Protein backbone atom coordinates (compact mmCIF):
# COMPACT_ATOMS: atom_id res chain seq x y z
CA UNK A 1 0.00 0.00 0.00
CA UNK A 2 1.32 3.42 -0.95
CA UNK A 3 0.36 6.78 0.53
CA UNK A 4 1.35 10.06 -1.10
CA UNK A 5 2.36 12.69 1.46
CA UNK A 6 1.67 15.56 -0.93
CA UNK A 7 -1.69 14.57 -2.43
CA UNK A 8 -2.98 12.22 0.27
CA UNK A 9 -3.66 9.52 -2.31
CA UNK A 10 -4.02 6.16 -0.60
CA UNK A 11 -4.68 7.64 2.84
CA UNK A 12 -8.37 6.65 2.93
CA UNK A 13 -7.54 3.09 1.91
CA UNK A 14 -4.91 2.94 4.65
CA UNK A 15 -7.36 4.21 7.28
CA UNK A 16 -9.97 1.68 6.16
CA UNK A 17 -7.44 -1.16 6.40
CA UNK A 18 -6.40 -0.11 9.94
CA UNK A 19 -10.03 0.19 11.02
CA UNK A 20 -10.84 -3.27 9.64
CA UNK A 21 -7.92 -4.78 11.60
CA UNK A 22 -8.86 -3.03 14.83
CA UNK A 23 -12.53 -4.04 14.64
CA UNK A 24 -11.51 -7.65 15.29
CA UNK A 25 -9.98 -6.70 18.65
CA UNK A 26 -12.94 -4.63 19.88
CA UNK A 27 -15.59 -5.95 22.23
CA UNK A 28 -19.24 -4.93 22.51
CA UNK A 29 -20.01 -2.94 25.67
CA UNK A 30 -23.35 -1.60 26.80
CA UNK A 31 -23.14 1.05 29.51
CA UNK A 32 -25.32 3.51 31.37
CA UNK A 33 -23.42 6.78 31.76
CA UNK A 34 -24.95 9.33 34.12
CA UNK A 35 -25.45 12.76 32.56
CA UNK A 36 -22.97 14.34 34.98
CA UNK A 37 -20.27 11.96 33.67
CA UNK A 38 -20.97 12.71 30.02
CA UNK A 39 -17.32 13.70 29.55
CA UNK A 40 -16.59 9.95 29.45
CA UNK A 41 -18.26 9.84 26.03
CA UNK A 42 -15.48 12.04 24.69
CA UNK A 43 -12.89 9.50 25.86
CA UNK A 44 -14.88 6.63 24.41
CA UNK A 45 -15.03 8.43 21.04
CA UNK A 46 -11.22 8.74 21.12
CA UNK A 47 -10.48 5.08 21.83
CA UNK A 48 -13.49 3.26 20.42
CA UNK A 49 -16.63 3.52 18.41
CA UNK A 50 -20.10 4.44 19.63
CA UNK A 51 -22.82 2.82 17.59
CA UNK A 52 -25.84 4.13 19.44
CA UNK A 53 -26.71 6.58 22.20
CA UNK A 54 -30.03 6.48 23.99
CA UNK A 55 -31.22 8.88 26.64
CA UNK A 56 -33.06 7.21 29.53
CA UNK A 57 -35.19 9.25 31.92
CA UNK A 58 -33.81 9.06 35.45
CA UNK A 59 -36.99 7.43 36.80
CA UNK A 60 -36.33 4.41 34.51
CA UNK A 61 -32.60 4.13 35.18
CA UNK A 62 -33.12 2.12 38.38
CA UNK A 63 -34.95 -0.55 36.36
CA UNK A 64 -31.87 -1.25 34.19
CA UNK A 65 -29.49 -4.09 34.93
CA UNK A 66 -26.24 -2.80 36.48
CA UNK A 67 -23.03 -3.46 34.50
CA UNK A 68 -20.33 -5.61 36.09
PDB file of N, CA and C in Angstrom:
ATOM      1  N   UNK A   1       0.855  -1.171   0.000  1.00  0.00           N
ATOM      2  CA  UNK A   1       0.000   0.000   0.000  1.00  0.00           C
ATOM      3  C   UNK A   1       0.896   1.226   0.000  1.00  0.00           C
ATOM      4  N   UNK A   2       0.555   2.183  -0.844  1.00  0.00           N
ATOM      5  CA  UNK A   2       1.325   3.421  -0.952  1.00  0.00           C
ATOM      6  C   UNK A   2       0.452   4.617  -0.574  1.00  0.00           C
ATOM      7  N   UNK A   3       1.048   5.546   0.153  1.00  0.00           N
ATOM      8  CA  UNK A   3       0.360   6.781   0.532  1.00  0.00           C
ATOM      9  C   UNK A   3       1.230   7.942   0.079  1.00  0.00           C
ATOM     10  N   UNK A   4       0.624   8.880  -0.641  1.00  0.00           N
ATOM     11  CA  UNK A   4       1.345  10.059  -1.103  1.00  0.00           C
ATOM     12  C   UNK A   4       1.214  11.168  -0.060  1.00  0.00           C
ATOM     13  N   UNK A   5       2.339  11.624   0.451  1.00  0.00           N
ATOM     14  CA  UNK A   5       2.357  12.691   1.458  1.00  0.00           C
ATOM     15  C   UNK A   5       1.786  13.989   0.902  1.00  0.00           C
ATOM     16  N   UNK A   6       2.071  14.280  -0.335  1.00  0.00           N
ATOM     17  CA  UNK A   6       1.667  15.561  -0.933  1.00  0.00           C
ATOM     18  C   UNK A   6       0.181  15.581  -1.275  1.00  0.00           C
ATOM     19  N   UNK A   7      -0.297  14.554  -1.977  1.00  0.00           N
ATOM     20  CA  UNK A   7      -1.690  14.570  -2.433  1.00  0.00           C
ATOM     21  C   UNK A   7      -2.650  13.854  -1.484  1.00  0.00           C
ATOM     22  N   UNK A   8      -2.114  12.989  -0.637  1.00  0.00           N
ATOM     23  CA  UNK A   8      -2.975  12.219   0.265  1.00  0.00           C
ATOM     24  C   UNK A   8      -3.558  10.979  -0.385  1.00  0.00           C
ATOM     25  N   UNK A   9      -3.173  10.728  -1.640  1.00  0.00           N
ATOM     26  CA  UNK A   9      -3.665   9.525  -2.310  1.00  0.00           C
ATOM     27  C   UNK A   9      -3.286   8.280  -1.511  1.00  0.00           C
ATOM     28  N   UNK A  10      -4.253   7.403  -1.319  1.00  0.00           N
ATOM     29  CA  UNK A  10      -4.017   6.161  -0.599  1.00  0.00           C
ATOM     30  C   UNK A  10      -4.295   6.256   0.892  1.00  0.00           C
ATOM     31  N   UNK A  11      -4.474   7.463   1.398  1.00  0.00           N
ATOM     32  CA  UNK A  11      -4.683   7.638   2.842  1.00  0.00           C
ATOM     33  C   UNK A  11      -6.002   7.013   3.296  1.00  0.00           C
ATOM     34  N   UNK A  12      -7.067   7.216   2.549  1.00  0.00           N
ATOM     35  CA  UNK A  12      -8.366   6.655   2.934  1.00  0.00           C
ATOM     36  C   UNK A  12      -8.322   5.132   2.944  1.00  0.00           C
ATOM     37  N   UNK A  13      -7.666   4.549   1.955  1.00  0.00           N
ATOM     38  CA  UNK A  13      -7.541   3.091   1.908  1.00  0.00           C
ATOM     39  C   UNK A  13      -6.754   2.578   3.109  1.00  0.00           C
ATOM     40  N   UNK A  14      -5.698   3.307   3.485  1.00  0.00           N
ATOM     41  CA  UNK A  14      -4.910   2.937   4.650  1.00  0.00           C
ATOM     42  C   UNK A  14      -5.759   2.993   5.924  1.00  0.00           C
ATOM     43  N   UNK A  15      -6.507   4.071   6.090  1.00  0.00           N
ATOM     44  CA  UNK A  15      -7.363   4.213   7.282  1.00  0.00           C
ATOM     45  C   UNK A  15      -8.412   3.106   7.334  1.00  0.00           C
ATOM     46  N   UNK A  16      -8.986   2.770   6.200  1.00  0.00           N
ATOM     47  CA  UNK A  16      -9.972   1.677   6.157  1.00  0.00           C
ATOM     48  C   UNK A  16      -9.339   0.349   6.544  1.00  0.00           C
ATOM     49  N   UNK A  17      -8.129   0.091   6.075  1.00  0.00           N
ATOM     50  CA  UNK A  17      -7.441  -1.158   6.403  1.00  0.00           C
ATOM     51  C   UNK A  17      -7.139  -1.245   7.897  1.00  0.00           C
ATOM     52  N   UNK A  18      -6.690  -0.138   8.488  1.00  0.00           N
ATOM     53  CA  UNK A  18      -6.404  -0.108   9.936  1.00  0.00           C
ATOM     54  C   UNK A  18      -7.689  -0.328  10.723  1.00  0.00           C
ATOM     55  N   UNK A  19      -8.752   0.339  10.316  1.00  0.00           N
ATOM     56  CA  UNK A  19     -10.030   0.185  11.019  1.00  0.00           C
ATOM     57  C   UNK A  19     -10.533  -1.255  10.940  1.00  0.00           C
ATOM     58  N   UNK A  20     -10.407  -1.875   9.785  1.00  0.00           N
ATOM     59  CA  UNK A  20     -10.835  -3.269   9.644  1.00  0.00           C
ATOM     60  C   UNK A  20     -10.054  -4.186  10.570  1.00  0.00           C
ATOM     61  N   UNK A  21      -8.748  -3.951  10.701  1.00  0.00           N
ATOM     62  CA  UNK A  21      -7.921  -4.777  11.596  1.00  0.00           C
ATOM     63  C   UNK A  21      -8.300  -4.580  13.054  1.00  0.00           C
ATOM     64  N   UNK A  22      -8.551  -3.333  13.440  1.00  0.00           N
ATOM     65  CA  UNK A  22      -8.859  -3.026  14.833  1.00  0.00           C
ATOM     66  C   UNK A  22     -10.240  -3.508  15.246  1.00  0.00           C
ATOM     67  N   UNK A  23     -11.173  -3.577  14.307  1.00  0.00           N
ATOM     68  CA  UNK A  23     -12.526  -4.039  14.637  1.00  0.00           C
ATOM     69  C   UNK A  23     -12.506  -5.432  15.245  1.00  0.00           C
ATOM     70  N   UNK A  24     -11.591  -6.278  14.786  1.00  0.00           N
ATOM     71  CA  UNK A  24     -11.514  -7.645  15.288  1.00  0.00           C
ATOM     72  C   UNK A  24     -11.118  -7.706  16.759  1.00  0.00           C
ATOM     73  N   UNK A  25     -10.434  -6.674  17.253  1.00  0.00           N
ATOM     74  CA  UNK A  25      -9.983  -6.704  18.653  1.00  0.00           C
ATOM     75  C   UNK A  25     -10.930  -5.949  19.588  1.00  0.00           C
ATOM     76  N   UNK A  26     -12.003  -5.374  19.049  1.00  0.00           N
ATOM     77  CA  UNK A  26     -12.944  -4.632  19.880  1.00  0.00           C
ATOM     78  C   UNK A  26     -13.998  -5.565  20.461  1.00  0.00           C
ATOM     79  N   UNK A  27     -14.521  -5.181  21.595  1.00  0.00           N
ATOM     80  CA  UNK A  27     -15.590  -5.947  22.233  1.00  0.00           C
ATOM     81  C   UNK A  27     -16.811  -5.042  22.400  1.00  0.00           C
ATOM     82  N   UNK A  28     -17.983  -5.645  22.358  1.00  0.00           N
ATOM     83  CA  UNK A  28     -19.241  -4.927  22.508  1.00  0.00           C
ATOM     84  C   UNK A  28     -19.459  -4.613  23.981  1.00  0.00           C
ATOM     85  N   UNK A  29     -19.752  -3.357  24.297  1.00  0.00           N
ATOM     86  CA  UNK A  29     -20.010  -2.935  25.665  1.00  0.00           C
ATOM     87  C   UNK A  29     -21.281  -2.096  25.667  1.00  0.00           C
ATOM     88  N   UNK A  30     -22.151  -2.410  26.602  1.00  0.00           N
ATOM     89  CA  UNK A  30     -23.350  -1.597  26.796  1.00  0.00           C
ATOM     90  C   UNK A  30     -23.225  -0.965  28.164  1.00  0.00           C
ATOM     91  N   UNK A  31     -23.365   0.359  28.240  1.00  0.00           N
ATOM     92  CA  UNK A  31     -23.139   1.051  29.508  1.00  0.00           C
ATOM     93  C   UNK A  31     -24.170   2.146  29.724  1.00  0.00           C
ATOM     94  N   UNK A  32     -24.465   2.395  30.968  1.00  0.00           N
ATOM     95  CA  UNK A  32     -25.321   3.506  31.371  1.00  0.00           C
ATOM     96  C   UNK A  32     -24.408   4.562  31.980  1.00  0.00           C
ATOM     97  N   UNK A  33     -24.299   5.696  31.306  1.00  0.00           N
ATOM     98  CA  UNK A  33     -23.420   6.777  31.760  1.00  0.00           C
ATOM     99  C   UNK A  33     -24.294   7.905  32.285  1.00  0.00           C
ATOM    100  N   UNK A  34     -24.173   8.225  33.571  1.00  0.00           N
ATOM    101  CA  UNK A  34     -24.955   9.332  34.121  1.00  0.00           C
ATOM    102  C   UNK A  34     -24.629  10.635  33.398  1.00  0.00           C
ATOM    103  N   UNK A  35     -25.611  11.502  33.276  1.00  0.00           N
ATOM    104  CA  UNK A  35     -25.448  12.764  32.562  1.00  0.00           C
ATOM    105  C   UNK A  35     -24.257  13.557  33.092  1.00  0.00           C
ATOM    106  N   UNK A  36     -24.072  13.556  34.410  1.00  0.00           N
ATOM    107  CA  UNK A  36     -22.971  14.342  34.983  1.00  0.00           C
ATOM    108  C   UNK A  36     -21.597  13.779  34.636  1.00  0.00           C
ATOM    109  N   UNK A  37     -21.534  12.554  34.107  1.00  0.00           N
ATOM    110  CA  UNK A  37     -20.267  11.956  33.666  1.00  0.00           C
ATOM    111  C   UNK A  37     -20.200  11.873  32.138  1.00  0.00           C
ATOM    112  N   UNK A  38     -20.933  12.721  31.474  1.00  0.00           N
ATOM    113  CA  UNK A  38     -20.974  12.712  30.020  1.00  0.00           C
ATOM    114  C   UNK A  38     -19.618  12.926  29.358  1.00  0.00           C
ATOM    115  N   UNK A  39     -18.660  13.509  30.102  1.00  0.00           N
ATOM    116  CA  UNK A  39     -17.324  13.701  29.553  1.00  0.00           C
ATOM    117  C   UNK A  39     -16.655  12.368  29.202  1.00  0.00           C
ATOM    118  N   UNK A  40     -17.132  11.269  29.791  1.00  0.00           N
ATOM    119  CA  UNK A  40     -16.590   9.952  29.450  1.00  0.00           C
ATOM    120  C   UNK A  40     -16.865   9.600  27.994  1.00  0.00           C
ATOM    121  N   UNK A  41     -17.949  10.116  27.433  1.00  0.00           N
ATOM    122  CA  UNK A  41     -18.263   9.838  26.035  1.00  0.00           C
ATOM    123  C   UNK A  41     -17.173  10.367  25.116  1.00  0.00           C
ATOM    124  N   UNK A  42     -16.581  11.482  25.474  1.00  0.00           N
ATOM    125  CA  UNK A  42     -15.475  12.038  24.687  1.00  0.00           C
ATOM    126  C   UNK A  42     -14.310  11.056  24.644  1.00  0.00           C
ATOM    127  N   UNK A  43     -13.973  10.483  25.789  1.00  0.00           N
ATOM    128  CA  UNK A  43     -12.892   9.503  25.862  1.00  0.00           C
ATOM    129  C   UNK A  43     -13.231   8.266  25.049  1.00  0.00           C
ATOM    130  N   UNK A  44     -14.463   7.814  25.155  1.00  0.00           N
ATOM    131  CA  UNK A  44     -14.877   6.629  24.405  1.00  0.00           C
ATOM    132  C   UNK A  44     -14.775   6.891  22.903  1.00  0.00           C
ATOM    133  N   UNK A  45     -15.159   8.081  22.460  1.00  0.00           N
ATOM    134  CA  UNK A  45     -15.031   8.427  21.042  1.00  0.00           C
ATOM    135  C   UNK A  45     -13.576   8.386  20.588  1.00  0.00           C
ATOM    136  N   UNK A  46     -12.642   8.721  21.474  1.00  0.00           N
ATOM    137  CA  UNK A  46     -11.219   8.741  21.115  1.00  0.00           C
ATOM    138  C   UNK A  46     -10.636   7.346  20.992  1.00  0.00           C
ATOM    139  N   UNK A  47     -11.106   6.405  21.805  1.00  0.00           N
ATOM    140  CA  UNK A  47     -10.480   5.077  21.835  1.00  0.00           C
ATOM    141  C   UNK A  47     -11.364   3.970  21.266  1.00  0.00           C
ATOM    142  N   UNK A  48     -12.589   4.291  20.910  1.00  0.00           N
ATOM    143  CA  UNK A  48     -13.494   3.256  20.418  1.00  0.00           C
ATOM    144  C   UNK A  48     -14.510   3.821  19.455  1.00  0.00           C
ATOM    145  N   UNK A  49     -15.565   3.103  19.307  1.00  0.00           N
ATOM    146  CA  UNK A  49     -16.634   3.518  18.408  1.00  0.00           C
ATOM    147  C   UNK A  49     -17.954   3.438  19.158  1.00  0.00           C
ATOM    148  N   UNK A  50     -18.770   4.442  19.015  1.00  0.00           N
ATOM    149  CA  UNK A  50     -20.097   4.441  19.628  1.00  0.00           C
ATOM    150  C   UNK A  50     -21.098   4.221  18.516  1.00  0.00           C
ATOM    151  N   UNK A  51     -21.845   3.139  18.622  1.00  0.00           N
ATOM    152  CA  UNK A  51     -22.822   2.819  17.587  1.00  0.00           C
ATOM    153  C   UNK A  51     -24.175   3.449  17.851  1.00  0.00           C
ATOM    154  N   UNK A  52     -24.519   3.627  19.130  1.00  0.00           N
ATOM    155  CA  UNK A  52     -25.844   4.130  19.438  1.00  0.00           C
ATOM    156  C   UNK A  52     -25.839   4.783  20.812  1.00  0.00           C
ATOM    157  N   UNK A  53     -26.528   5.902  20.915  1.00  0.00           N
ATOM    158  CA  UNK A  53     -26.706   6.578  22.200  1.00  0.00           C
ATOM    159  C   UNK A  53     -28.202   6.724  22.429  1.00  0.00           C
ATOM    160  N   UNK A  54     -28.632   6.322  23.609  1.00  0.00           N
ATOM    161  CA  UNK A  54     -30.034   6.482  23.995  1.00  0.00           C
ATOM    162  C   UNK A  54     -30.076   7.263  25.295  1.00  0.00           C
ATOM    163  N   UNK A  55     -31.041   8.123  25.406  1.00  0.00           N
ATOM    164  CA  UNK A  55     -31.220   8.880  26.638  1.00  0.00           C
ATOM    165  C   UNK A  55     -32.368   8.248  27.422  1.00  0.00           C
ATOM    166  N   UNK A  56     -32.081   7.885  28.670  1.00  0.00           N
ATOM    167  CA  UNK A  56     -33.057   7.212  29.526  1.00  0.00           C
ATOM    168  C   UNK A  56     -33.464   8.169  30.644  1.00  0.00           C
ATOM    169  N   UNK A  57     -34.752   8.408  30.806  1.00  0.00           N
ATOM    170  CA  UNK A  57     -35.187   9.250  31.923  1.00  0.00           C
ATOM    171  C   UNK A  57     -34.731   8.649  33.253  1.00  0.00           C
ATOM    172  N   UNK A  58     -34.349   9.495  34.169  1.00  0.00           N
ATOM    173  CA  UNK A  58     -33.811   9.056  35.454  1.00  0.00           C
ATOM    174  C   UNK A  58     -34.748   8.093  36.175  1.00  0.00           C
ATOM    175  N   UNK A  59     -36.045   8.296  36.077  1.00  0.00           N
ATOM    176  CA  UNK A  59     -36.987   7.433  36.796  1.00  0.00           C
ATOM    177  C   UNK A  59     -36.945   5.985  36.281  1.00  0.00           C
ATOM    178  N   UNK A  60     -36.440   5.761  35.053  1.00  0.00           N
ATOM    179  CA  UNK A  60     -36.332   4.407  34.507  1.00  0.00           C
ATOM    180  C   UNK A  60     -34.947   3.796  34.713  1.00  0.00           C
ATOM    181  N   UNK A  61     -33.976   4.615  35.040  1.00  0.00           N
ATOM    182  CA  UNK A  61     -32.600   4.128  35.179  1.00  0.00           C
ATOM    183  C   UNK A  61     -32.470   3.042  36.238  1.00  0.00           C
ATOM    184  N   UNK A  62     -33.222   3.123  37.311  1.00  0.00           N
ATOM    185  CA  UNK A  62     -33.121   2.123  38.381  1.00  0.00           C
ATOM    186  C   UNK A  62     -33.649   0.756  37.937  1.00  0.00           C
ATOM    187  N   UNK A  63     -34.402   0.711  36.855  1.00  0.00           N
ATOM    188  CA  UNK A  63     -34.952  -0.549  36.360  1.00  0.00           C
ATOM    189  C   UNK A  63     -33.952  -1.288  35.467  1.00  0.00           C
ATOM    190  N   UNK A  64     -32.866  -0.622  35.069  1.00  0.00           N
ATOM    191  CA  UNK A  64     -31.866  -1.247  34.185  1.00  0.00           C
ATOM    192  C   UNK A  64     -30.942  -2.159  34.972  1.00  0.00           C
ATOM    193  N   UNK A  65     -30.416  -3.161  34.307  1.00  0.00           N
ATOM    194  CA  UNK A  65     -29.492  -4.085  34.934  1.00  0.00           C
ATOM    195  C   UNK A  65     -28.120  -3.414  35.086  1.00  0.00           C
ATOM    196  N   UNK A  66     -27.553  -3.410  36.307  1.00  0.00           N
ATOM    197  CA  UNK A  66     -26.243  -2.797  36.480  1.00  0.00           C
ATOM    198  C   UNK A  66     -25.163  -3.555  35.721  1.00  0.00           C
ATOM    199  N   UNK A  67     -24.160  -2.836  35.201  1.00  0.00           N
ATOM    200  CA  UNK A  67     -23.035  -3.458  34.503  1.00  0.00           C
ATOM    201  C   UNK A  67     -22.025  -3.972  35.518  1.00  0.00           C
ATOM    202  N   UNK A  68     -21.342  -5.039  35.194  1.00  0.00           N
ATOM    203  CA  UNK A  68     -20.329  -5.611  36.088  1.00  0.00           C
ATOM    204  C   UNK A  68     -18.966  -5.467  35.491  1.00  0.00           C
TER     205      UNK A  68
END
